[in-house]
Amino acid sequence: MRHFNLTSRESQVANLVREGRNSRQIADILNISKGAADFHRNNIRKKLGINKEKVNCRSFLLKLEDNET
């Protein structure tokens, strides 16, 4: 994950996405708006290079985690 230059907030959001949380749940946990959670999710997709592909972000993050171990 550190290879993608995610901010600390994006890393937090990515970890919650990996857990299966939706944007509303992420917003509640991090005390941010749903729009902010969606914004961070979109930035994560861009940095991972999957923003224009039909790829599930959670599945992609789980594969990355498996490859790192």
PDB file of N, CA and C in Angstrom:
ATOM      1  N   MET A   1       0.821  -1.195   0.000  1.00  0.00           N
ATOM      2  CA  MET A   1       0.000   0.000   0.000  1.00  0.00           C
ATOM      3  C   MET A   1       0.867   1.262   0.000  1.00  0.00           C
ATOM      4  N   ARG A   2       1.999   1.217   0.640  1.00  0.00           N
ATOM      5  CA  ARG A   2       2.818   2.426   0.741  1.00  0.00           C
ATOM      6  C   ARG A   2       3.407   2.846  -0.597  1.00  0.00           C
ATOM      7  N   HIS A   3       3.353   1.966  -1.596  1.00  0.00           N
ATOM      8  CA  HIS A   3       3.882   2.282  -2.915  1.00  0.00           C
ATOM      9  C   HIS A   3       2.977   3.237  -3.686  1.00  0.00           C
ATOM     10  N   PHE A   4       1.765   3.452  -3.205  1.00  0.00           N
ATOM     11  CA  PHE A   4       0.791   4.244  -3.948  1.00  0.00           C
ATOM     12  C   PHE A   4       0.659   5.674  -3.446  1.00  0.00           C
ATOM     13  N   ASN A   5       1.481   6.082  -2.499  1.00  0.00           N
ATOM     14  CA  ASN A   5       1.481   7.448  -1.962  1.00  0.00           C
ATOM     15  C   ASN A   5       0.113   7.872  -1.426  1.00  0.00           C
ATOM     16  N   LEU A   6      -0.523   6.999  -0.668  1.00  0.00           N
ATOM     17  CA  LEU A   6      -1.794   7.360  -0.053  1.00  0.00           C
ATOM     18  C   LEU A   6      -1.535   8.256   1.150  1.00  0.00           C
ATOM     19  N   THR A   7      -2.413   9.243   1.330  1.00  0.00           N
ATOM     20  CA  THR A   7      -2.326  10.081   2.522  1.00  0.00           C
ATOM     21  C   THR A   7      -2.747   9.248   3.728  1.00  0.00           C
ATOM     22  N   SER A   8      -2.536   9.778   4.913  1.00  0.00           N
ATOM     23  CA  SER A   8      -2.919   9.028   6.113  1.00  0.00           C
ATOM     24  C   SER A   8      -4.427   8.798   6.147  1.00  0.00           C
ATOM     25  N   ARG A   9      -5.208   9.784   5.731  1.00  0.00           N
ATOM     26  CA  ARG A   9      -6.668   9.629   5.710  1.00  0.00           C
ATOM     27  C   ARG A   9      -7.081   8.607   4.658  1.00  0.00           C
ATOM     28  N   GLU A  10      -6.439   8.639   3.503  1.00  0.00           N
ATOM     29  CA  GLU A  10      -6.743   7.650   2.462  1.00  0.00           C
ATOM     30  C   GLU A  10      -6.394   6.250   2.931  1.00  0.00           C
ATOM     31  N   SER A  11      -5.318   6.116   3.692  1.00  0.00           N
ATOM     32  CA  SER A  11      -4.954   4.811   4.240  1.00  0.00           C
ATOM     33  C   SER A  11      -6.004   4.321   5.216  1.00  0.00           C
ATOM     34  N   GLN A  12      -6.523   5.235   6.036  1.00  0.00           N
ATOM     35  CA  GLN A  12      -7.587   4.869   6.972  1.00  0.00           C
ATOM     36  C   GLN A  12      -8.822   4.402   6.210  1.00  0.00           C
ATOM     37  N   VAL A  13      -9.192   5.156   5.187  1.00  0.00           N
ATOM     38  CA  VAL A  13     -10.364   4.808   4.381  1.00  0.00           C
ATOM     39  C   VAL A  13     -10.128   3.480   3.675  1.00  0.00           C
ATOM     40  N   ALA A  14      -8.940   3.278   3.123  1.00  0.00           N
ATOM     41  CA  ALA A  14      -8.634   2.027   2.428  1.00  0.00           C
ATOM     42  C   ALA A  14      -8.751   0.838   3.373  1.00  0.00           C
ATOM     43  N   ASN A  15      -8.289   0.987   4.603  1.00  0.00           N
ATOM     44  CA  ASN A  15      -8.393  -0.097   5.578  1.00  0.00           C
ATOM     45  C   ASN A  15      -9.855  -0.407   5.889  1.00  0.00           C
ATOM     46  N   LEU A  16     -10.682   0.613   5.991  1.00  0.00           N
ATOM     47  CA  LEU A  16     -12.103   0.401   6.257  1.00  0.00           C
ATOM     48  C   LEU A  16     -12.806  -0.221   5.053  1.00  0.00           C
ATOM     49  N   VAL A  17     -12.409   0.175   3.854  1.00  0.00           N
ATOM     50  CA  VAL A  17     -12.964  -0.435   2.637  1.00  0.00           C
ATOM     51  C   VAL A  17     -12.598  -1.914   2.616  1.00  0.00           C
ATOM     52  N   ARG A  18     -11.361  -2.220   2.964  1.00  0.00           N
ATOM     53  CA  ARG A  18     -10.896  -3.603   2.997  1.00  0.00           C
ATOM     54  C   ARG A  18     -11.713  -4.437   3.991  1.00  0.00           C
ATOM     55  N   GLU A  19     -12.171  -3.793   5.067  1.00  0.00           N
ATOM     56  CA  GLU A  19     -13.006  -4.475   6.056  1.00  0.00           C
ATOM     57  C   GLU A  19     -14.435  -4.678   5.559  1.00  0.00           C
ATOM     58  N   GLY A  20     -14.787  -4.021   4.454  1.00  0.00           N
ATOM     59  CA  GLY A  20     -16.131  -4.175   3.909  1.00  0.00           C
ATOM     60  C   GLY A  20     -17.085  -3.062   4.286  1.00  0.00           C
ATOM     61  N   ARG A  21     -16.574  -1.961   4.781  1.00  0.00           N
ATOM     62  CA  ARG A  21     -17.419  -0.835   5.188  1.00  0.00           C
ATOM     63  C   ARG A  21     -17.860  -0.038   3.976  1.00  0.00           C
ATOM     64  N   ASN A  22     -19.074   0.510   4.024  1.00  0.00           N
ATOM     65  CA  ASN A  22     -19.544   1.380   2.948  1.00  0.00           C
ATOM     66  C   ASN A  22     -19.235   2.839   3.306  1.00  0.00           C
ATOM     67  N   SER A  23     -19.510   3.745   2.389  1.00  0.00           N
ATOM     68  CA  SER A  23     -19.146   5.155   2.586  1.00  0.00           C
ATOM     69  C   SER A  23     -19.814   5.764   3.809  1.00  0.00           C
ATOM     70  N   ARG A  24     -21.067   5.419   4.050  1.00  0.00           N
ATOM     71  CA  ARG A  24     -21.781   5.971   5.215  1.00  0.00           C
ATOM     72  C   ARG A  24     -21.124   5.486   6.505  1.00  0.00           C
ATOM     73  N   GLN A  25     -20.774   4.220   6.570  1.00  0.00           N
ATOM     74  CA  GLN A  25     -20.122   3.677   7.766  1.00  0.00           C
ATOM     75  C   GLN A  25     -18.740   4.307   7.963  1.00  0.00           C
ATOM     76  N   ILE A  26     -18.018   4.471   6.877  1.00  0.00           N
ATOM     77  CA  ILE A  26     -16.693   5.106   6.953  1.00  0.00           C
ATOM     78  C   ILE A  26     -16.829   6.533   7.472  1.00  0.00           C
ATOM     79  N   ALA A  27     -17.809   7.248   6.952  1.00  0.00           N
ATOM     80  CA  ALA A  27     -18.041   8.625   7.385  1.00  0.00           C
ATOM     81  C   ALA A  27     -18.344   8.680   8.875  1.00  0.00           C
ATOM     82  N   ASP A  28     -19.175   7.777   9.352  1.00  0.00           N
ATOM     83  CA  ASP A  28     -19.522   7.757  10.777  1.00  0.00           C
ATOM     84  C   ASP A  28     -18.316   7.419  11.644  1.00  0.00           C
ATOM     85  N   ILE A  29     -17.522   6.445  11.226  1.00  0.00           N
ATOM     86  CA  ILE A  29     -16.352   6.025  12.003  1.00  0.00           C
ATOM     87  C   ILE A  29     -15.310   7.132  12.079  1.00  0.00           C
ATOM     88  N   LEU A  30     -15.059   7.808  10.946  1.00  0.00           N
ATOM     89  CA  LEU A  30     -14.011   8.832  10.889  1.00  0.00           C
ATOM     90  C   LEU A  30     -14.520  10.238  11.189  1.00  0.00           C
ATOM     91  N   ASN A  31     -15.827  10.336  11.452  1.00  0.00           N
ATOM     92  CA  ASN A  31     -16.445  11.622  11.772  1.00  0.00           C
ATOM     93  C   ASN A  31     -16.250  12.641  10.644  1.00  0.00           C
ATOM     94  N   ILE A  32     -16.526  12.186   9.419  1.00  0.00           N
ATOM     95  CA  ILE A  32     -16.473  13.043   8.242  1.00  0.00           C
ATOM     96  C   ILE A  32     -17.792  12.893   7.497  1.00  0.00           C
ATOM     97  N   SER A  33     -18.010  13.718   6.484  1.00  0.00           N
ATOM     98  CA  SER A  33     -19.240  13.604   5.703  1.00  0.00           C
ATOM     99  C   SER A  33     -19.140  12.426   4.734  1.00  0.00           C
ATOM    100  N   LYS A  34     -20.295  11.953   4.266  1.00  0.00           N
ATOM    101  CA  LYS A  34     -20.313  10.873   3.285  1.00  0.00           C
ATOM    102  C   LYS A  34     -19.617  11.335   2.009  1.00  0.00           C
ATOM    103  N   GLY A  35     -19.802  12.601   1.642  1.00  0.00           N
ATOM    104  CA  GLY A  35     -19.140  13.145   0.459  1.00  0.00           C
ATOM    105  C   GLY A  35     -17.625  13.099   0.580  1.00  0.00           C
ATOM    106  N   ALA A  36     -17.119  13.385   1.779  1.00  0.00           N
ATOM    107  CA  ALA A  36     -15.670  13.324   2.004  1.00  0.00           C
ATOM    108  C   ALA A  36     -15.178  11.881   1.887  1.00  0.00           C
ATOM    109  N   ALA A  37     -15.957  10.939   2.425  1.00  0.00           N
ATOM    110  CA  ALA A  37     -15.590   9.518   2.316  1.00  0.00           C
ATOM    111  C   ALA A  37     -15.572   9.103   0.852  1.00  0.00           C
ATOM    112  N   ASP A  38     -16.567   9.524   0.080  1.00  0.00           N
ATOM    113  CA  ASP A  38     -16.605   9.214  -1.355  1.00  0.00           C
ATOM    114  C   ASP A  38     -15.416   9.841  -2.085  1.00  0.00           C
ATOM    115  N   PHE A  39     -15.075  11.065  -1.696  1.00  0.00           N
ATOM    116  CA  PHE A  39     -13.930  11.759  -2.292  1.00  0.00           C
ATOM    117  C   PHE A  39     -12.643  10.967  -2.064  1.00  0.00           C
ATOM    118  N   HIS A  40     -12.429  10.519  -0.828  1.00  0.00           N
ATOM    119  CA  HIS A  40     -11.228   9.751  -0.511  1.00  0.00           C
ATOM    120  C   HIS A  40     -11.223   8.412  -1.250  1.00  0.00           C
ATOM    121  N   ARG A  41     -12.398   7.779  -1.337  1.00  0.00           N
ATOM    122  CA  ARG A  41     -12.486   6.510  -2.067  1.00  0.00           C
ATOM    123  C   ARG A  41     -12.114   6.715  -3.535  1.00  0.00           C
ATOM    124  N   ASN A  42     -12.583   7.812  -4.115  1.00  0.00           N
ATOM    125  CA  ASN A  42     -12.263   8.111  -5.513  1.00  0.00           C
ATOM    126  C   ASN A  42     -10.766   8.356  -5.689  1.00  0.00           C
ATOM    127  N   ASN A  43     -10.167   9.089  -4.763  1.00  0.00           N
ATOM    128  CA  ASN A  43      -8.716   9.330  -4.837  1.00  0.00           C
ATOM    129  C   ASN A  43      -7.935   8.028  -4.715  1.00  0.00           C
ATOM    130  N   ILE A  44      -8.402   7.129  -3.866  1.00  0.00           N
ATOM    131  CA  ILE A  44      -7.745   5.832  -3.714  1.00  0.00           C
ATOM    132  C   ILE A  44      -7.809   5.072  -5.030  1.00  0.00           C
ATOM    133  N   ARG A  45      -8.983   5.049  -5.667  1.00  0.00           N
ATOM    134  CA  ARG A  45      -9.137   4.358  -6.948  1.00  0.00           C
ATOM    135  C   ARG A  45      -8.185   4.949  -7.993  1.00  0.00           C
ATOM    136  N   LYS A  46      -8.051   6.283  -8.020  1.00  0.00           N
ATOM    137  CA  LYS A  46      -7.145   6.929  -8.967  1.00  0.00           C
ATOM    138  C   LYS A  46      -5.705   6.503  -8.717  1.00  0.00           C
ATOM    139  N   LYS A  47      -5.284   6.538  -7.452  1.00  0.00           N
ATOM    140  CA  LYS A  47      -3.902   6.213  -7.116  1.00  0.00           C
ATOM    141  C   LYS A  47      -3.589   4.737  -7.357  1.00  0.00           C
ATOM    142  N   LEU A  48      -4.593   3.877  -7.243  1.00  0.00           N
ATOM    143  CA  LEU A  48      -4.398   2.457  -7.506  1.00  0.00           C
ATOM    144  C   LEU A  48      -4.481   2.145  -8.992  1.00  0.00           C
ATOM    145  N   GLY A  49      -4.948   3.125  -9.780  1.00  0.00           N
ATOM    146  CA  GLY A  49      -5.055   2.936 -11.225  1.00  0.00           C
ATOM    147  C   GLY A  49      -6.273   2.142 -11.650  1.00  0.00           C
ATOM    148  N   ILE A  50      -7.319   2.148 -10.832  1.00  0.00           N
ATOM    149  CA  ILE A  50      -8.524   1.375 -11.163  1.00  0.00           C
ATOM    150  C   ILE A  50      -9.749   2.264 -11.300  1.00  0.00           C
ATOM    151  N   ASN A  51      -9.546   3.573 -11.464  1.00  0.00           N
ATOM    152  CA  ASN A  51     -10.682   4.488 -11.512  1.00  0.00           C
ATOM    153  C   ASN A  51     -11.514   4.346 -12.779  1.00  0.00           C
ATOM    154  N   LYS A  52     -10.944   3.859 -13.850  1.00  0.00           N
ATOM    155  CA  LYS A  52     -11.697   3.733 -15.101  1.00  0.00           C
ATOM    156  C   LYS A  52     -11.959   2.278 -15.464  1.00  0.00           C
ATOM    157  N   GLU A  53     -11.773   1.395 -14.489  1.00  0.00           N
ATOM    158  CA  GLU A  53     -11.975  -0.029 -14.731  1.00  0.00           C
ATOM    159  C   GLU A  53     -13.121  -0.543 -13.870  1.00  0.00           C
ATOM    160  N   LYS A  54     -13.748  -1.586 -14.339  1.00  0.00           N
ATOM    161  CA  LYS A  54     -14.828  -2.203 -13.571  1.00  0.00           C
ATOM    162  C   LYS A  54     -14.222  -3.223 -12.619  1.00  0.00           C
ATOM    163  N   VAL A  55     -13.596  -2.697 -11.581  1.00  0.00           N
ATOM    164  CA  VAL A  55     -12.942  -3.529 -10.577  1.00  0.00           C
ATOM    165  C   VAL A  55     -13.486  -3.123  -9.220  1.00  0.00           C
ATOM    166  N   ASN A  56     -13.822  -4.104  -8.416  1.00  0.00           N
ATOM    167  CA  ASN A  56     -14.277  -3.824  -7.059  1.00  0.00           C
ATOM    168  C   ASN A  56     -13.079  -3.379  -6.230  1.00  0.00           C
ATOM    169  N   CYS A  57     -13.192  -2.217  -5.619  1.00  0.00           N
ATOM    170  CA  CYS A  57     -12.074  -1.643  -4.870  1.00  0.00           C
ATOM    171  C   CYS A  57     -11.680  -2.546  -3.703  1.00  0.00           C
ATOM    172  N   ARG A  58     -12.646  -3.088  -2.990  1.00  0.00           N
ATOM    173  CA  ARG A  58     -12.346  -3.959  -1.860  1.00  0.00           C
ATOM    174  C   ARG A  58     -11.590  -5.200  -2.322  1.00  0.00           C
ATOM    175  N   SER A  59     -12.058  -5.822  -3.397  1.00  0.00           N
ATOM    176  CA  SER A  59     -11.383  -7.012  -3.918  1.00  0.00           C
ATOM    177  C   SER A  59      -9.949  -6.698  -4.312  1.00  0.00           C
ATOM    178  N   PHE A  60      -9.757  -5.542  -4.949  1.00  0.00           N
ATOM    179  CA  PHE A  60      -8.421  -5.136  -5.374  1.00  0.00           C
ATOM    180  C   PHE A  60      -7.513  -4.938  -4.158  1.00  0.00           C
ATOM    181  N   LEU A  61      -8.035  -4.268  -3.121  1.00  0.00           N
ATOM    182  CA  LEU A  61      -7.248  -4.031  -1.905  1.00  0.00           C
ATOM    183  C   LEU A  61      -6.909  -5.345  -1.202  1.00  0.00           C
ATOM    184  N   LEU A  62      -7.843  -6.288  -1.197  1.00  0.00           N
ATOM    185  CA  LEU A  62      -7.583  -7.576  -0.570  1.00  0.00           C
ATOM    186  C   LEU A  62      -6.500  -8.341  -1.330  1.00  0.00           C
ATOM    187  N   LYS A  63      -6.512  -8.251  -2.667  1.00  0.00           N
ATOM    188  CA  LYS A  63      -5.465  -8.902  -3.465  1.00  0.00           C
ATOM    189  C   LYS A  63      -4.101  -8.287  -3.177  1.00  0.00           C
ATOM    190  N   LEU A  64      -4.063  -6.957  -3.045  1.00  0.00           N
ATOM    191  CA  LEU A  64      -2.798  -6.287  -2.721  1.00  0.00           C
ATOM    192  C   LEU A  64      -2.272  -6.759  -1.380  1.00  0.00           C
ATOM    193  N   GLU A  65      -3.167  -6.890  -0.424  1.00  0.00           N
ATOM    194  CA  GLU A  65      -2.779  -7.335   0.913  1.00  0.00           C
ATOM    195  C   GLU A  65      -2.204  -8.750   0.857  1.00  0.00           C
ATOM    196  N   ASP A  66      -2.834  -9.620   0.079  1.00  0.00           N
ATOM    197  CA  ASP A  66      -2.358 -10.998  -0.058  1.00  0.00           C
ATOM    198  C   ASP A  66      -0.982 -11.032  -0.726  1.00  0.00           C
ATOM    199  N   ASN A  67      -0.763 -10.151  -1.695  1.00  0.00           N
ATOM    200  CA  ASN A  67       0.520 -10.120  -2.401  1.00  0.00           C
ATOM    201  C   ASN A  67       1.648  -9.598  -1.544  1.00  0.00           C
ATOM    202  N   GLU A  68       1.318  -8.751  -0.539  1.00  0.00           N
ATOM    203  CA  GLU A  68       2.356  -8.186   0.315  1.00  0.00           C
ATOM    204  C   GLU A  68       2.842  -9.175   1.356  1.00  0.00           C
ATOM    205  N   THR A  69       2.037 -10.163   1.686  1.00  0.00           N
ATOM    206  CA  THR A  69       2.440 -11.109   2.740  1.00  0.00           C
ATOM    207  C   THR A  69       3.128 -12.320   2.170  1.00  0.00           C
TER     208      THR A  69
END
